[in-house]
């Protein structure tokens, strides 16, 4: 299953429920982030489902046991999106296949490093050029969708 976390510039770690729908406008998105930082969590309308919540760090304590962790950098080992999925993602998610984690830098400037994230076992890339976080995620998920036959 897909699990998303993000960390702010001020080191606030947030867990995101996969069922969340991110607001389309910046004004609504920024309002949601302000509410999250004030109340420490965002709940769905009339249900008890928590869509986002601030969690205690460090991020490494939230990694699944036995996870293979890869950092994304244009200086990492270059893979095509399909090649990445073939090399790193099992054809079928079974209970004995280790979870795969991608650490993606989505900041305006700079990049992630193994020094900042010592749990990363290898730096990889899906482009020889710097990509936005959204473009990198799109390429990774596109390769996995092809691997798993999701249309």
C-alpha atoms as a PDB file:
ATOM      1  CA  UNK A   1       0.000   0.000   0.000  1.00  0.00           C
ATOM      2  CA  UNK A   2       1.099   3.566  -0.572  1.00  0.00           C
ATOM      3  CA  UNK A   3       2.025   5.616   2.488  1.00  0.00           C
ATOM      4  CA  UNK A   4       3.085   9.267   2.219  1.00  0.00           C
ATOM      5  CA  UNK A   5       4.982  11.360   4.742  1.00  0.00           C
ATOM      6  CA  UNK A   6       6.385  14.848   4.366  1.00  0.00           C
ATOM      7  CA  UNK A   7       8.617  17.054   6.440  1.00  0.00           C
ATOM      8  CA  UNK A   8       8.436  20.846   6.487  1.00  0.00           C
ATOM      9  CA  UNK A   9      11.399  23.233   6.443  1.00  0.00           C
ATOM     10  CA  UNK A  10      10.964  23.532  10.215  1.00  0.00           C
ATOM     11  CA  UNK A  11      11.234  19.724  10.670  1.00  0.00           C
ATOM     12  CA  UNK A  12       7.536  19.087  11.324  1.00  0.00           C
ATOM     13  CA  UNK A  13       6.845  15.501  10.202  1.00  0.00           C
ATOM     14  CA  UNK A  14       3.373  14.776   8.784  1.00  0.00           C
ATOM     15  CA  UNK A  15       1.691  11.455   7.960  1.00  0.00           C
ATOM     16  CA  UNK A  16      -0.816  11.596   5.083  1.00  0.00           C
ATOM     17  CA  UNK A  17      -3.737   9.173   4.762  1.00  0.00           C
ATOM     18  CA  UNK A  18      -3.841   7.719   1.198  1.00  0.00           C
ATOM     19  CA  UNK A  19      -7.560   8.574   0.920  1.00  0.00           C
ATOM     20  CA  UNK A  20      -7.019  12.346   1.225  1.00  0.00           C
ATOM     21  CA  UNK A  21      -7.967  14.642  -1.639  1.00  0.00           C
ATOM     22  CA  UNK A  22      -5.560  17.582  -1.739  1.00  0.00           C
ATOM     23  CA  UNK A  23      -7.292  20.943  -2.381  1.00  0.00           C
ATOM     24  CA  UNK A  24      -6.862  22.219  -5.952  1.00  0.00           C
ATOM     25  CA  UNK A  25      -6.302  25.870  -5.145  1.00  0.00           C
ATOM     26  CA  UNK A  26      -3.356  27.304  -3.265  1.00  0.00           C
ATOM     27  CA  UNK A  27      -5.656  29.319  -1.000  1.00  0.00           C
ATOM     28  CA  UNK A  28      -7.501  26.199   0.184  1.00  0.00           C
ATOM     29  CA  UNK A  29      -4.280  24.187   0.416  1.00  0.00           C
ATOM     30  CA  UNK A  30      -2.548  26.828   2.537  1.00  0.00           C
ATOM     31  CA  UNK A  31      -5.637  27.044   4.786  1.00  0.00           C
ATOM     32  CA  UNK A  32      -5.495  23.271   5.253  1.00  0.00           C
ATOM     33  CA  UNK A  33      -1.790  23.450   6.188  1.00  0.00           C
ATOM     34  CA  UNK A  34      -2.439  26.245   8.705  1.00  0.00           C
ATOM     35  CA  UNK A  35      -5.251  24.181  10.266  1.00  0.00           C
ATOM     36  CA  UNK A  36      -2.957  21.120  10.379  1.00  0.00           C
ATOM     37  CA  UNK A  37      -0.177  23.007  12.147  1.00  0.00           C
ATOM     38  CA  UNK A  38      -2.588  24.535  14.680  1.00  0.00           C
ATOM     39  CA  UNK A  39      -4.687  21.469  15.490  1.00  0.00           C
ATOM     40  CA  UNK A  40      -1.954  18.862  14.819  1.00  0.00           C
ATOM     41  CA  UNK A  41      -4.363  16.802  12.683  1.00  0.00           C
ATOM     42  CA  UNK A  42      -7.030  17.059  10.001  1.00  0.00           C
ATOM     43  CA  UNK A  43     -10.123  14.854  10.248  1.00  0.00           C
ATOM     44  CA  UNK A  44     -12.533  14.008   7.438  1.00  0.00           C
ATOM     45  CA  UNK A  45     -15.882  15.832   7.534  1.00  0.00           C
ATOM     46  CA  UNK A  46     -18.315  13.747   9.590  1.00  0.00           C
ATOM     47  CA  UNK A  47     -16.182  10.640  10.139  1.00  0.00           C
ATOM     48  CA  UNK A  48     -13.430   9.816  12.598  1.00  0.00           C
ATOM     49  CA  UNK A  49     -10.904   9.232   9.792  1.00  0.00           C
ATOM     50  CA  UNK A  50      -7.716  11.249  10.286  1.00  0.00           C
ATOM     51  CA  UNK A  51      -6.520  12.522   6.902  1.00  0.00           C
ATOM     52  CA  UNK A  52      -3.279  14.151   8.058  1.00  0.00           C
ATOM     53  CA  UNK A  53      -1.541  14.288  11.390  1.00  0.00           C
ATOM     54  CA  UNK A  54       1.667  15.690  12.810  1.00  0.00           C
ATOM     55  CA  UNK A  55       3.813  12.851  14.144  1.00  0.00           C
ATOM     56  CA  UNK A  56       6.936  12.735  16.261  1.00  0.00           C
ATOM     57  CA  UNK A  57      10.230  12.245  14.432  1.00  0.00           C
ATOM     58  CA  UNK A  58      12.695  11.068  13.464  1.00  0.00           C
ATOM     59  CA  UNK A  59      11.336   9.701  10.201  1.00  0.00           C
ATOM     60  CA  UNK A  60      13.482   6.564  10.508  1.00  0.00           C
ATOM     61  CA  UNK A  61      11.311   5.268  13.384  1.00  0.00           C
ATOM     62  CA  UNK A  62       8.301   5.235  11.030  1.00  0.00           C
ATOM     63  CA  UNK A  63       9.994   3.087   8.374  1.00  0.00           C
ATOM     64  CA  UNK A  64       8.487  -0.400   8.010  1.00  0.00           C
ATOM     65  CA  UNK A  65      10.760  -3.175   9.342  1.00  0.00           C
ATOM     66  CA  UNK A  66      13.133  -4.496   6.679  1.00  0.00           C
ATOM     67  CA  UNK A  67      12.304  -1.685   4.247  1.00  0.00           C
ATOM     68  CA  UNK A  68      14.628  -0.990   1.322  1.00  0.00           C
ATOM     69  CA  UNK A  69      15.127   2.777   1.269  1.00  0.00           C
ATOM     70  CA  UNK A  70      16.197   4.650  -1.868  1.00  0.00           C
ATOM     71  CA  UNK A  71      16.960   8.340  -2.189  1.00  0.00           C
ATOM     72  CA  UNK A  72      16.126  10.235  -5.364  1.00  0.00           C
ATOM     73  CA  UNK A  73      18.825  12.453  -6.882  1.00  0.00           C
ATOM     74  CA  UNK A  74      19.776  13.358 -10.448  1.00  0.00           C
ATOM     75  CA  UNK A  75      23.296  12.284  -9.422  1.00  0.00           C
ATOM     76  CA  UNK A  76      22.135   8.783  -8.415  1.00  0.00           C
ATOM     77  CA  UNK A  77      22.245   5.606 -10.510  1.00  0.00           C
ATOM     78  CA  UNK A  78      20.109   6.335 -13.588  1.00  0.00           C
ATOM     79  CA  UNK A  79      17.105   4.104 -14.355  1.00  0.00           C
ATOM     80  CA  UNK A  80      14.267   4.457 -16.817  1.00  0.00           C
ATOM     81  CA  UNK A  81      10.938   4.461 -14.943  1.00  0.00           C
ATOM     82  CA  UNK A  82      10.168   0.927 -16.182  1.00  0.00           C
ATOM     83  CA  UNK A  83      13.735  -0.202 -15.443  1.00  0.00           C
ATOM     84  CA  UNK A  84      13.447   1.181 -11.915  1.00  0.00           C
ATOM     85  CA  UNK A  85      10.229  -0.746 -11.286  1.00  0.00           C
ATOM     86  CA  UNK A  86      11.696  -3.948 -12.756  1.00  0.00           C
ATOM     87  CA  UNK A  87      14.868  -3.673 -10.657  1.00  0.00           C
ATOM     88  CA  UNK A  88      13.415  -2.573  -7.329  1.00  0.00           C
ATOM     89  CA  UNK A  89       9.717  -3.466  -7.113  1.00  0.00           C
ATOM     90  CA  UNK A  90       8.512  -7.088  -6.894  1.00  0.00           C
ATOM     91  CA  UNK A  91       6.026  -8.209  -9.580  1.00  0.00           C
ATOM     92  CA  UNK A  92       3.480  -8.911  -6.859  1.00  0.00           C
ATOM     93  CA  UNK A  93       3.328  -7.553  -3.334  1.00  0.00           C
ATOM     94  CA  UNK A  94       3.727 -10.642  -1.149  1.00  0.00           C
ATOM     95  CA  UNK A  95       4.154 -10.846   2.581  1.00  0.00           C
ATOM     96  CA  UNK A  96       7.812 -11.916   2.217  1.00  0.00           C
ATOM     97  CA  UNK A  97       8.831  -9.087  -0.138  1.00  0.00           C
ATOM     98  CA  UNK A  98      10.360  -6.152   1.744  1.00  0.00           C
ATOM     99  CA  UNK A  99       8.613  -2.774   1.551  1.00  0.00           C
ATOM    100  CA  UNK A 100      10.253  -0.210  -0.741  1.00  0.00           C
ATOM    101  CA  UNK A 101      10.617   3.417   0.377  1.00  0.00           C
ATOM    102  CA  UNK A 102      11.516   6.370  -1.860  1.00  0.00           C
ATOM    103  CA  UNK A 103      12.849   9.531  -0.221  1.00  0.00           C
ATOM    104  CA  UNK A 104      12.140  12.404  -2.612  1.00  0.00           C
ATOM    105  CA  UNK A 105      13.323  15.961  -2.126  1.00  0.00           C
ATOM    106  CA  UNK A 106      10.527  18.359  -3.047  1.00  0.00           C
ATOM    107  CA  UNK A 107      12.111  21.564  -1.843  1.00  0.00           C
ATOM    108  CA  UNK A 108      12.656  24.746  -3.846  1.00  0.00           C
ATOM    109  CA  UNK A 109      16.448  24.505  -3.660  1.00  0.00           C
ATOM    110  CA  UNK A 110      18.948  21.865  -2.633  1.00  0.00           C
ATOM    111  CA  UNK A 111      18.750  18.103  -2.625  1.00  0.00           C
ATOM    112  CA  UNK A 112      18.617  15.144  -0.259  1.00  0.00           C
ATOM    113  CA  UNK A 113      21.812  13.468   0.890  1.00  0.00           C
ATOM    114  CA  UNK A 114      22.755  10.221   2.584  1.00  0.00           C
ATOM    115  CA  UNK A 115      24.355  12.340   5.324  1.00  0.00           C
ATOM    116  CA  UNK A 116      20.939  13.864   6.123  1.00  0.00           C
ATOM    117  CA  UNK A 117      19.136  10.516   5.705  1.00  0.00           C
ATOM    118  CA  UNK A 118      21.528   7.732   6.856  1.00  0.00           C
ATOM    119  CA  UNK A 119      18.875   5.024   6.361  1.00  0.00           C
ATOM    120  CA  UNK A 120      19.099   5.444   2.548  1.00  0.00           C
ATOM    121  CA  UNK A 121      20.893   2.435   1.071  1.00  0.00           C
ATOM    122  CA  UNK A 122      21.308   3.798  -2.478  1.00  0.00           C
ATOM    123  CA  UNK A 123      20.782   7.029  -4.410  1.00  0.00           C
ATOM    124  CA  UNK A 124      18.862   6.532  -7.663  1.00  0.00           C
ATOM    125  CA  UNK A 125      17.495   8.705 -10.451  1.00  0.00           C
ATOM    126  CA  UNK A 126      14.796   8.584 -13.127  1.00  0.00           C
ATOM    127  CA  UNK A 127      16.292  11.474 -15.127  1.00  0.00           C
ATOM    128  CA  UNK A 128      19.745  12.860 -15.750  1.00  0.00           C
ATOM    129  CA  UNK A 129      18.245  16.296 -15.167  1.00  0.00           C
ATOM    130  CA  UNK A 130      16.839  17.760 -11.940  1.00  0.00           C
ATOM    131  CA  UNK A 131      13.089  17.130 -11.659  1.00  0.00           C
ATOM    132  CA  UNK A 132      10.400  18.616  -9.474  1.00  0.00           C
ATOM    133  CA  UNK A 133       9.118  16.324  -6.739  1.00  0.00           C
ATOM    134  CA  UNK A 134       5.845  15.929  -8.661  1.00  0.00           C
ATOM    135  CA  UNK A 135       7.649  14.921 -11.865  1.00  0.00           C
ATOM    136  CA  UNK A 136       9.844  12.391 -10.026  1.00  0.00           C
ATOM    137  CA  UNK A 137       6.823  10.845  -8.274  1.00  0.00           C
ATOM    138  CA  UNK A 138       4.925  10.685 -11.578  1.00  0.00           C
ATOM    139  CA  UNK A 139       7.788   8.832 -13.263  1.00  0.00           C
ATOM    140  CA  UNK A 140       8.246   6.383 -10.375  1.00  0.00           C
ATOM    141  CA  UNK A 141       4.529   5.571 -10.108  1.00  0.00           C
ATOM    142  CA  UNK A 142       4.192   5.321 -13.907  1.00  0.00           C
ATOM    143  CA  UNK A 143       6.915   2.655 -13.949  1.00  0.00           C
ATOM    144  CA  UNK A 144       5.282   0.746 -11.085  1.00  0.00           C
ATOM    145  CA  UNK A 145       1.866   0.944 -12.795  1.00  0.00           C
ATOM    146  CA  UNK A 146       3.380  -0.548 -15.974  1.00  0.00           C
ATOM    147  CA  UNK A 147       5.123  -3.258 -13.919  1.00  0.00           C
ATOM    148  CA  UNK A 148       1.891  -4.251 -12.188  1.00  0.00           C
ATOM    149  CA  UNK A 149      -0.279  -3.932 -15.318  1.00  0.00           C
ATOM    150  CA  UNK A 150      -2.398  -1.086 -13.964  1.00  0.00           C
ATOM    151  CA  UNK A 151      -4.009   0.792 -16.837  1.00  0.00           C
END
